[in-house]
Amino acid sequence: MSDQTSDDGVDFLWGCKAIAAFIDRTPRQTFHLLEAKKLPAGKVGATWVGSKSTLTKHLHRIARGEGFDALPRPDLAPSGREKTEDR
């Protein structure tokens, strides 16, 4: 796919190859990071989509030593499922 900047300044990277080129990794390495939720990106249909600015901020956090787990995560129960409120 490709990278695109829209009129409102959103800097999307469409596809694993575009994200990989932006972070200077191979598509295979990038796919692994995306599937493991180590990069802030999501899927639109079957296509990975990320933002240059969000990826840059995330990589800066890693460079500061905050690690891969600096991504916000839903509150998960030990089973790996989202916790539900007690009724």
C-alpha atoms as a PDB file:
ATOM      1  CA  MET A   1       0.000   0.000   0.000  1.00  0.00           C
ATOM      2  CA  SER A   2       1.281   3.497   0.707  1.00  0.00           C
ATOM      3  CA  ASP A   3       1.502   6.399   3.055  1.00  0.00           C
ATOM      4  CA  GLN A   4      -0.927   9.278   2.811  1.00  0.00           C
ATOM      5  CA  THR A   5      -1.422  12.618   4.470  1.00  0.00           C
ATOM      6  CA  SER A   6      -4.985  13.857   4.395  1.00  0.00           C
ATOM      7  CA  ASP A   7      -6.222  17.435   4.306  1.00  0.00           C
ATOM      8  CA  ASP A   8      -6.627  17.444   8.100  1.00  0.00           C
ATOM      9  CA  GLY A   9      -2.961  16.493   8.633  1.00  0.00           C
ATOM     10  CA  VAL A  10      -3.518  12.841   9.543  1.00  0.00           C
ATOM     11  CA  ASP A  11      -0.468  10.916   8.406  1.00  0.00           C
ATOM     12  CA  PHE A  12      -1.656   7.390   7.700  1.00  0.00           C
ATOM     13  CA  LEU A  13       0.592   4.522   6.692  1.00  0.00           C
ATOM     14  CA  TRP A  14      -1.457   1.897   4.878  1.00  0.00           C
ATOM     15  CA  GLY A  15      -0.136  -1.660   4.905  1.00  0.00           C
ATOM     16  CA  CYS A  16       2.569  -3.553   6.720  1.00  0.00           C
ATOM     17  CA  LYS A  17       5.161  -2.718   4.044  1.00  0.00           C
ATOM     18  CA  ALA A  18       4.617   1.043   4.442  1.00  0.00           C
ATOM     19  CA  ILE A  19       4.821   0.773   8.230  1.00  0.00           C
ATOM     20  CA  ALA A  20       7.960  -1.389   7.921  1.00  0.00           C
ATOM     21  CA  ALA A  21       9.660   1.122   5.629  1.00  0.00           C
ATOM     22  CA  PHE A  22       8.812   3.951   8.030  1.00  0.00           C
ATOM     23  CA  ILE A  23      10.288   2.188  11.093  1.00  0.00           C
ATOM     24  CA  ASP A  24      13.216   0.736   9.113  1.00  0.00           C
ATOM     25  CA  ARG A  25      12.343  -2.926   9.738  1.00  0.00           C
ATOM     26  CA  THR A  26      11.528  -5.784   7.402  1.00  0.00           C
ATOM     27  CA  PRO A  27       7.859  -6.452   6.650  1.00  0.00           C
ATOM     28  CA  ARG A  28       8.166  -9.778   8.504  1.00  0.00           C
ATOM     29  CA  GLN A  29       9.590  -8.115  11.642  1.00  0.00           C
ATOM     30  CA  THR A  30       6.923  -5.430  11.460  1.00  0.00           C
ATOM     31  CA  PHE A  31       4.110  -7.950  11.011  1.00  0.00           C
ATOM     32  CA  HIS A  32       5.296  -9.773  14.133  1.00  0.00           C
ATOM     33  CA  LEU A  33       5.349  -6.506  16.114  1.00  0.00           C
ATOM     34  CA  LEU A  34       1.895  -5.560  14.845  1.00  0.00           C
ATOM     35  CA  GLU A  35       0.360  -8.964  15.613  1.00  0.00           C
ATOM     36  CA  ALA A  36       1.938  -8.912  19.103  1.00  0.00           C
ATOM     37  CA  LYS A  37       0.422  -5.424  19.640  1.00  0.00           C
ATOM     38  CA  LYS A  38       3.878  -3.947  20.178  1.00  0.00           C
ATOM     39  CA  LEU A  39       3.167  -1.110  17.730  1.00  0.00           C
ATOM     40  CA  PRO A  40       0.276   1.363  17.904  1.00  0.00           C
ATOM     41  CA  ALA A  41      -1.620   0.416  14.763  1.00  0.00           C
ATOM     42  CA  GLY A  42      -4.846  -1.312  13.871  1.00  0.00           C
ATOM     43  CA  LYS A  43      -6.567  -3.093  11.050  1.00  0.00           C
ATOM     44  CA  VAL A  44      -9.065  -1.732   8.590  1.00  0.00           C
ATOM     45  CA  GLY A  45     -10.444  -4.890   7.084  1.00  0.00           C
ATOM     46  CA  ALA A  46      -7.341  -6.987   6.468  1.00  0.00           C
ATOM     47  CA  THR A  47      -4.976  -4.005   6.086  1.00  0.00           C
ATOM     48  CA  TRP A  48      -2.755  -2.691   8.872  1.00  0.00           C
ATOM     49  CA  VAL A  49      -2.993   1.090   9.304  1.00  0.00           C
ATOM     50  CA  GLY A  50      -0.719   3.242  11.429  1.00  0.00           C
ATOM     51  CA  SER A  51       0.053   6.900  11.904  1.00  0.00           C
ATOM     52  CA  LYS A  52       3.533   8.335  11.396  1.00  0.00           C
ATOM     53  CA  SER A  53       3.156  10.679  14.358  1.00  0.00           C
ATOM     54  CA  THR A  54       1.811   7.984  16.697  1.00  0.00           C
ATOM     55  CA  LEU A  55       4.536   5.520  15.694  1.00  0.00           C
ATOM     56  CA  THR A  56       7.195   8.211  16.163  1.00  0.00           C
ATOM     57  CA  LYS A  57       5.927   9.055  19.659  1.00  0.00           C
ATOM     58  CA  HIS A  58       5.832   5.364  20.568  1.00  0.00           C
ATOM     59  CA  LEU A  59       9.383   4.775  19.324  1.00  0.00           C
ATOM     60  CA  HIS A  60      10.589   7.822  21.293  1.00  0.00           C
ATOM     61  CA  ARG A  61       9.034   6.318  24.454  1.00  0.00           C
ATOM     62  CA  ILE A  62      10.940   3.099  23.780  1.00  0.00           C
ATOM     63  CA  ALA A  63      14.162   5.053  23.227  1.00  0.00           C
ATOM     64  CA  ARG A  64      13.634   6.729  26.622  1.00  0.00           C
ATOM     65  CA  GLY A  65      13.528   3.264  28.192  1.00  0.00           C
ATOM     66  CA  GLU A  66       9.802   3.024  28.760  1.00  0.00           C
ATOM     67  CA  GLY A  67       9.695  -0.246  26.787  1.00  0.00           C
ATOM     68  CA  PHE A  68       7.255  -1.882  24.410  1.00  0.00           C
ATOM     69  CA  ASP A  69       4.550  -2.103  27.045  1.00  0.00           C
ATOM     70  CA  ALA A  70       4.033   1.673  27.008  1.00  0.00           C
ATOM     71  CA  LEU A  71       0.922   1.143  24.864  1.00  0.00           C
ATOM     72  CA  PRO A  72      -2.385   1.629  26.648  1.00  0.00           C
ATOM     73  CA  ARG A  73      -4.087  -1.739  27.161  1.00  0.00           C
ATOM     74  CA  PRO A  74      -7.603  -2.719  28.175  1.00  0.00           C
ATOM     75  CA  ASP A  75      -7.936  -4.047  31.690  1.00  0.00           C
ATOM     76  CA  LEU A  76      -7.567  -7.798  31.187  1.00  0.00           C
ATOM     77  CA  ALA A  77      -8.458 -10.601  33.531  1.00  0.00           C
ATOM     78  CA  PRO A  78      -5.840 -13.363  34.109  1.00  0.00           C
ATOM     79  CA  SER A  79      -7.608 -15.443  31.443  1.00  0.00           C
ATOM     80  CA  GLY A  80      -6.757 -12.776  28.862  1.00  0.00           C
ATOM     81  CA  ARG A  81     -10.385 -11.707  28.543  1.00  0.00           C
ATOM     82  CA  GLU A  82     -11.604  -8.235  29.355  1.00  0.00           C
ATOM     83  CA  LYS A  83     -12.907  -7.859  32.893  1.00  0.00           C
ATOM     84  CA  THR A  84     -16.607  -7.251  33.276  1.00  0.00           C
ATOM     85  CA  GLU A  85     -18.270  -5.279  36.011  1.00  0.00           C
ATOM     86  CA  ASP A  86     -19.871  -7.292  38.839  1.00  0.00           C
ATOM     87  CA  ARG A  87     -23.634  -6.974  38.814  1.00  0.00           C
END
